[in-house]
Amino acid sequence: MPAADLTGYRYRGARALVLLHDRGMREFPPAWRQAVEAGIKLPVTADPDYASLPALLFHVLRASRGYLTWLCEKLGLPDPRVDDPPGLDRVGRDVDLYLSHLLERWRGPLADVEEKRFSENYTSRWGENMSCEAMLEHAVVHPLRHRFQLEELMEAQLHP
């Protein structure tokens, strides 16, 4: 997505973070597919988000949806109307279609929010006190972190 596609943002910092989130989200599915093709096994954990590669993909998609809906809720913006991600049985097959929908929904809601509003603090859904800017930054890093984890697992399992 060319940077020029998001014009008219009141706060260019939010625009930059939306674009970086878009990039990170688009880069995650290819790494995920590579892990699937390589037969990578996730470490054993009680965390249901890491129960399988489909669960991890679902987690990344659902989290992105959650960050945007949280931001809109806290900033008093309309519901961005992001569909739920496909279920575990379809998430790998339908990721591209869903990702297009998800990222399209990310493009507009924050455009008219002035910079000072991003400094406002609220309690996240997991209980942390965060500014809206910090939540945006978290949304950027989340898919990068999970892609990095998959890349490290592939390196370790394919080249011990």
C-alpha atoms as a PDB file:
ATOM      1  CA  MET A   1       0.000   0.000   0.000  1.00  0.00           C
ATOM      2  CA  PRO A   2       1.601   3.285  -1.047  1.00  0.00           C
ATOM      3  CA  ALA A   3       1.981   5.841   1.744  1.00  0.00           C
ATOM      4  CA  ALA A   4       0.110   8.402  -0.362  1.00  0.00           C
ATOM      5  CA  ASP A   5      -3.022   6.287   0.021  1.00  0.00           C
ATOM      6  CA  LEU A   6      -3.615   7.654   3.513  1.00  0.00           C
ATOM      7  CA  THR A   7      -3.929  11.384   3.071  1.00  0.00           C
ATOM      8  CA  GLY A   8      -5.735  13.784   5.323  1.00  0.00           C
ATOM      9  CA  TYR A   9      -4.675  12.421   8.706  1.00  0.00           C
ATOM     10  CA  ARG A  10      -4.767  15.200  11.313  1.00  0.00           C
ATOM     11  CA  TYR A  11      -1.980  13.460  13.251  1.00  0.00           C
ATOM     12  CA  ARG A  12       0.758  12.176  10.988  1.00  0.00           C
ATOM     13  CA  GLY A  13       2.095   9.997  13.808  1.00  0.00           C
ATOM     14  CA  ALA A  14      -1.144   7.994  13.760  1.00  0.00           C
ATOM     15  CA  ARG A  15      -0.928   7.761   9.971  1.00  0.00           C
ATOM     16  CA  ALA A  16       2.611   6.381  10.216  1.00  0.00           C
ATOM     17  CA  LEU A  17       1.563   3.790  12.793  1.00  0.00           C
ATOM     18  CA  VAL A  18      -1.463   2.704  10.738  1.00  0.00           C
ATOM     19  CA  LEU A  19       0.830   2.224   7.727  1.00  0.00           C
ATOM     20  CA  LEU A  20       3.407   0.323   9.792  1.00  0.00           C
ATOM     21  CA  HIS A  21       0.666  -1.886  11.223  1.00  0.00           C
ATOM     22  CA  ASP A  22      -0.532  -2.587   7.695  1.00  0.00           C
ATOM     23  CA  ARG A  23       2.982  -3.592   6.639  1.00  0.00           C
ATOM     24  CA  GLY A  24       3.485  -5.869   9.642  1.00  0.00           C
ATOM     25  CA  MET A  25       0.136  -7.555   9.161  1.00  0.00           C
ATOM     26  CA  ARG A  26       0.826  -8.176   5.460  1.00  0.00           C
ATOM     27  CA  GLU A  27       4.233  -9.673   6.281  1.00  0.00           C
ATOM     28  CA  PHE A  28       2.889 -12.137   8.849  1.00  0.00           C
ATOM     29  CA  PRO A  29       0.901 -14.568   6.617  1.00  0.00           C
ATOM     30  CA  PRO A  30       3.855 -15.418   4.328  1.00  0.00           C
ATOM     31  CA  ALA A  31       6.003 -16.292   7.362  1.00  0.00           C
ATOM     32  CA  TRP A  32       3.092 -18.268   8.822  1.00  0.00           C
ATOM     33  CA  ARG A  33       2.651 -20.191   5.550  1.00  0.00           C
ATOM     34  CA  GLN A  34       6.355 -20.922   5.447  1.00  0.00           C
ATOM     35  CA  ALA A  35       6.134 -22.323   8.983  1.00  0.00           C
ATOM     36  CA  VAL A  36       3.153 -24.494   7.989  1.00  0.00           C
ATOM     37  CA  GLU A  37       4.962 -25.797   4.905  1.00  0.00           C
ATOM     38  CA  ALA A  38       8.048 -26.556   6.987  1.00  0.00           C
ATOM     39  CA  GLY A  39       5.978 -28.487   9.540  1.00  0.00           C
ATOM     40  CA  ILE A  40       7.074 -26.236  12.389  1.00  0.00           C
ATOM     41  CA  LYS A  41       5.791 -27.215  15.815  1.00  0.00           C
ATOM     42  CA  LEU A  42       5.042 -24.503  18.349  1.00  0.00           C
ATOM     43  CA  PRO A  43       6.402 -24.957  21.868  1.00  0.00           C
ATOM     44  CA  VAL A  44       4.029 -26.712  24.245  1.00  0.00           C
ATOM     45  CA  THR A  45       2.116 -24.208  26.358  1.00  0.00           C
ATOM     46  CA  ALA A  46      -1.223 -23.864  28.118  1.00  0.00           C
ATOM     47  CA  ASP A  47      -1.879 -20.673  26.123  1.00  0.00           C
ATOM     48  CA  PRO A  48      -4.673 -21.448  23.619  1.00  0.00           C
ATOM     49  CA  ASP A  49      -3.281 -18.788  21.243  1.00  0.00           C
ATOM     50  CA  TYR A  50      -0.248 -21.060  20.757  1.00  0.00           C
ATOM     51  CA  ALA A  51      -2.040 -24.393  20.610  1.00  0.00           C
ATOM     52  CA  SER A  52      -1.390 -24.648  16.866  1.00  0.00           C
ATOM     53  CA  LEU A  53      -0.272 -22.619  13.890  1.00  0.00           C
ATOM     54  CA  PRO A  54      -3.915 -21.906  12.916  1.00  0.00           C
ATOM     55  CA  ALA A  55      -4.535 -20.708  16.496  1.00  0.00           C
ATOM     56  CA  LEU A  56      -1.563 -18.345  16.236  1.00  0.00           C
ATOM     57  CA  LEU A  57      -2.782 -16.907  12.927  1.00  0.00           C
ATOM     58  CA  PHE A  58      -6.272 -16.458  14.392  1.00  0.00           C
ATOM     59  CA  HIS A  59      -4.721 -14.747  17.434  1.00  0.00           C
ATOM     60  CA  VAL A  60      -2.791 -12.221  15.315  1.00  0.00           C
ATOM     61  CA  LEU A  61      -5.872 -11.391  13.228  1.00  0.00           C
ATOM     62  CA  ARG A  62      -8.209 -11.180  16.221  1.00  0.00           C
ATOM     63  CA  ALA A  63      -5.758  -8.985  18.136  1.00  0.00           C
ATOM     64  CA  SER A  64      -5.514  -6.526  15.251  1.00  0.00           C
ATOM     65  CA  ARG A  65      -9.297  -6.307  15.183  1.00  0.00           C
ATOM     66  CA  GLY A  66      -9.306  -5.792  18.936  1.00  0.00           C
ATOM     67  CA  TYR A  67      -6.760  -2.977  18.904  1.00  0.00           C
ATOM     68  CA  LEU A  68      -8.820  -1.010  16.390  1.00  0.00           C
ATOM     69  CA  THR A  69     -12.145  -1.585  18.128  1.00  0.00           C
ATOM     70  CA  TRP A  70     -10.582  -0.592  21.483  1.00  0.00           C
ATOM     71  CA  LEU A  71      -9.147   2.611  19.995  1.00  0.00           C
ATOM     72  CA  CYS A  72     -12.458   3.544  18.403  1.00  0.00           C
ATOM     73  CA  GLU A  73     -14.340   2.800  21.618  1.00  0.00           C
ATOM     74  CA  LYS A  74     -11.980   4.842  23.814  1.00  0.00           C
ATOM     75  CA  LEU A  75     -11.788   7.760  21.375  1.00  0.00           C
ATOM     76  CA  GLY A  76     -15.584   7.854  20.986  1.00  0.00           C
ATOM     77  CA  LEU A  77     -15.457   6.923  17.306  1.00  0.00           C
ATOM     78  CA  PRO A  78     -18.051   4.834  15.479  1.00  0.00           C
ATOM     79  CA  ASP A  79     -17.655   1.063  15.536  1.00  0.00           C
ATOM     80  CA  PRO A  80     -15.284   0.245  12.653  1.00  0.00           C
ATOM     81  CA  ARG A  81     -17.427  -2.810  11.860  1.00  0.00           C
ATOM     82  CA  VAL A  82     -14.612  -5.305  11.529  1.00  0.00           C
ATOM     83  CA  ASP A  83     -15.837  -8.853  11.037  1.00  0.00           C
ATOM     84  CA  ASP A  84     -14.547 -11.582  13.336  1.00  0.00           C
ATOM     85  CA  PRO A  85     -11.665 -13.551  11.811  1.00  0.00           C
ATOM     86  CA  PRO A  86     -12.431 -16.901  10.191  1.00  0.00           C
ATOM     87  CA  GLY A  87     -12.560 -19.863  12.550  1.00  0.00           C
ATOM     88  CA  LEU A  88      -9.595 -22.158  13.124  1.00  0.00           C
ATOM     89  CA  ASP A  89     -10.814 -24.570  10.455  1.00  0.00           C
ATOM     90  CA  ARG A  90     -10.769 -21.813   7.779  1.00  0.00           C
ATOM     91  CA  VAL A  91      -8.303 -19.188   8.966  1.00  0.00           C
ATOM     92  CA  GLY A  92      -5.353 -20.414   6.887  1.00  0.00           C
ATOM     93  CA  ARG A  93      -7.438 -20.713   3.746  1.00  0.00           C
ATOM     94  CA  ASP A  94      -9.293 -17.398   4.182  1.00  0.00           C
ATOM     95  CA  VAL A  95      -6.518 -15.221   5.631  1.00  0.00           C
ATOM     96  CA  ASP A  96      -5.968 -13.118   2.503  1.00  0.00           C
ATOM     97  CA  LEU A  97      -9.621 -12.225   2.089  1.00  0.00           C
ATOM     98  CA  TYR A  98     -10.018 -11.454   5.784  1.00  0.00           C
ATOM     99  CA  LEU A  99      -6.791  -9.453   5.917  1.00  0.00           C
ATOM    100  CA  SER A 100      -7.987  -7.244   3.055  1.00  0.00           C
ATOM    101  CA  HIS A 101     -11.198  -6.533   4.960  1.00  0.00           C
ATOM    102  CA  LEU A 102      -9.388  -5.948   8.254  1.00  0.00           C
ATOM    103  CA  LEU A 103      -6.787  -3.570   6.861  1.00  0.00           C
ATOM    104  CA  GLU A 104      -9.370  -1.638   4.883  1.00  0.00           C
ATOM    105  CA  ARG A 105     -11.241  -1.047   8.148  1.00  0.00           C
ATOM    106  CA  TRP A 106      -8.023   0.249   9.755  1.00  0.00           C
ATOM    107  CA  ARG A 107      -7.502   2.946   7.113  1.00  0.00           C
ATOM    108  CA  GLY A 108     -10.048   5.586   8.073  1.00  0.00           C
ATOM    109  CA  PRO A 109     -11.288   5.698  11.669  1.00  0.00           C
ATOM    110  CA  LEU A 110      -8.290   7.499  13.182  1.00  0.00           C
ATOM    111  CA  ALA A 111      -7.818  10.063  10.398  1.00  0.00           C
ATOM    112  CA  ASP A 112      -9.746  12.911  12.043  1.00  0.00           C
ATOM    113  CA  VAL A 113      -8.426  12.406  15.580  1.00  0.00           C
ATOM    114  CA  GLU A 114      -6.190  15.237  16.736  1.00  0.00           C
ATOM    115  CA  GLU A 115      -2.761  14.481  18.163  1.00  0.00           C
ATOM    116  CA  LYS A 116      -3.504  15.306  21.798  1.00  0.00           C
ATOM    117  CA  ARG A 117      -6.240  12.639  21.951  1.00  0.00           C
ATOM    118  CA  PHE A 118      -3.618   9.934  21.387  1.00  0.00           C
ATOM    119  CA  SER A 119      -2.069  10.882  24.760  1.00  0.00           C
ATOM    120  CA  GLU A 120      -5.234   9.917  26.634  1.00  0.00           C
ATOM    121  CA  ASN A 121      -4.836   6.876  28.884  1.00  0.00           C
ATOM    122  CA  TYR A 122      -7.299   4.042  29.319  1.00  0.00           C
ATOM    123  CA  THR A 123      -7.244   0.517  30.697  1.00  0.00           C
ATOM    124  CA  SER A 124      -6.525  -2.062  28.015  1.00  0.00           C
ATOM    125  CA  ARG A 125      -8.590  -5.217  27.740  1.00  0.00           C
ATOM    126  CA  TRP A 126      -5.780  -7.070  29.488  1.00  0.00           C
ATOM    127  CA  GLY A 127      -5.684  -4.587  32.410  1.00  0.00           C
ATOM    128  CA  GLU A 128      -2.744  -2.312  31.515  1.00  0.00           C
ATOM    129  CA  ASN A 129      -3.001   1.478  31.629  1.00  0.00           C
ATOM    130  CA  MET A 130      -2.106   2.618  28.098  1.00  0.00           C
ATOM    131  CA  SER A 131      -2.289   5.719  25.986  1.00  0.00           C
ATOM    132  CA  CYS A 132      -3.960   5.450  22.614  1.00  0.00           C
ATOM    133  CA  GLU A 133      -0.563   6.035  21.003  1.00  0.00           C
ATOM    134  CA  ALA A 134       0.905   3.149  23.007  1.00  0.00           C
ATOM    135  CA  MET A 135      -1.943   0.918  21.842  1.00  0.00           C
ATOM    136  CA  LEU A 136      -1.220   1.891  18.245  1.00  0.00           C
ATOM    137  CA  GLU A 137       2.442   1.073  18.775  1.00  0.00           C
ATOM    138  CA  HIS A 138       1.459  -2.251  20.332  1.00  0.00           C
ATOM    139  CA  ALA A 139      -0.646  -2.993  17.245  1.00  0.00           C
ATOM    140  CA  VAL A 140       2.420  -2.373  15.076  1.00  0.00           C
ATOM    141  CA  VAL A 141       4.750  -4.591  17.089  1.00  0.00           C
ATOM    142  CA  HIS A 142       2.369  -7.499  17.705  1.00  0.00           C
ATOM    143  CA  PRO A 143       2.552  -9.135  14.248  1.00  0.00           C
ATOM    144  CA  LEU A 144       6.282  -8.360  14.048  1.00  0.00           C
ATOM    145  CA  ARG A 145       6.893 -10.160  17.340  1.00  0.00           C
ATOM    146  CA  HIS A 146       4.994 -13.256  16.249  1.00  0.00           C
ATOM    147  CA  ARG A 147       6.665 -13.292  12.838  1.00  0.00           C
ATOM    148  CA  PHE A 148      10.037 -13.087  14.577  1.00  0.00           C
ATOM    149  CA  GLN A 149       9.072 -15.999  16.832  1.00  0.00           C
ATOM    150  CA  LEU A 150       8.107 -18.114  13.813  1.00  0.00           C
ATOM    151  CA  GLU A 151      11.325 -17.229  12.004  1.00  0.00           C
ATOM    152  CA  GLU A 152      13.376 -18.225  15.039  1.00  0.00           C
ATOM    153  CA  LEU A 153      11.481 -21.508  15.387  1.00  0.00           C
ATOM    154  CA  MET A 154      12.034 -22.276  11.719  1.00  0.00           C
ATOM    155  CA  GLU A 155      15.732 -21.531  12.033  1.00  0.00           C
ATOM    156  CA  ALA A 156      16.081 -23.680  15.153  1.00  0.00           C
ATOM    157  CA  GLN A 157      14.004 -26.605  13.861  1.00  0.00           C
ATOM    158  CA  LEU A 158      15.326 -26.634  10.312  1.00  0.00           C
ATOM    159  CA  HIS A 159      18.977 -25.897  11.161  1.00  0.00           C
ATOM    160  CA  PRO A 160      19.649 -27.254  14.664  1.00  0.00           C
END
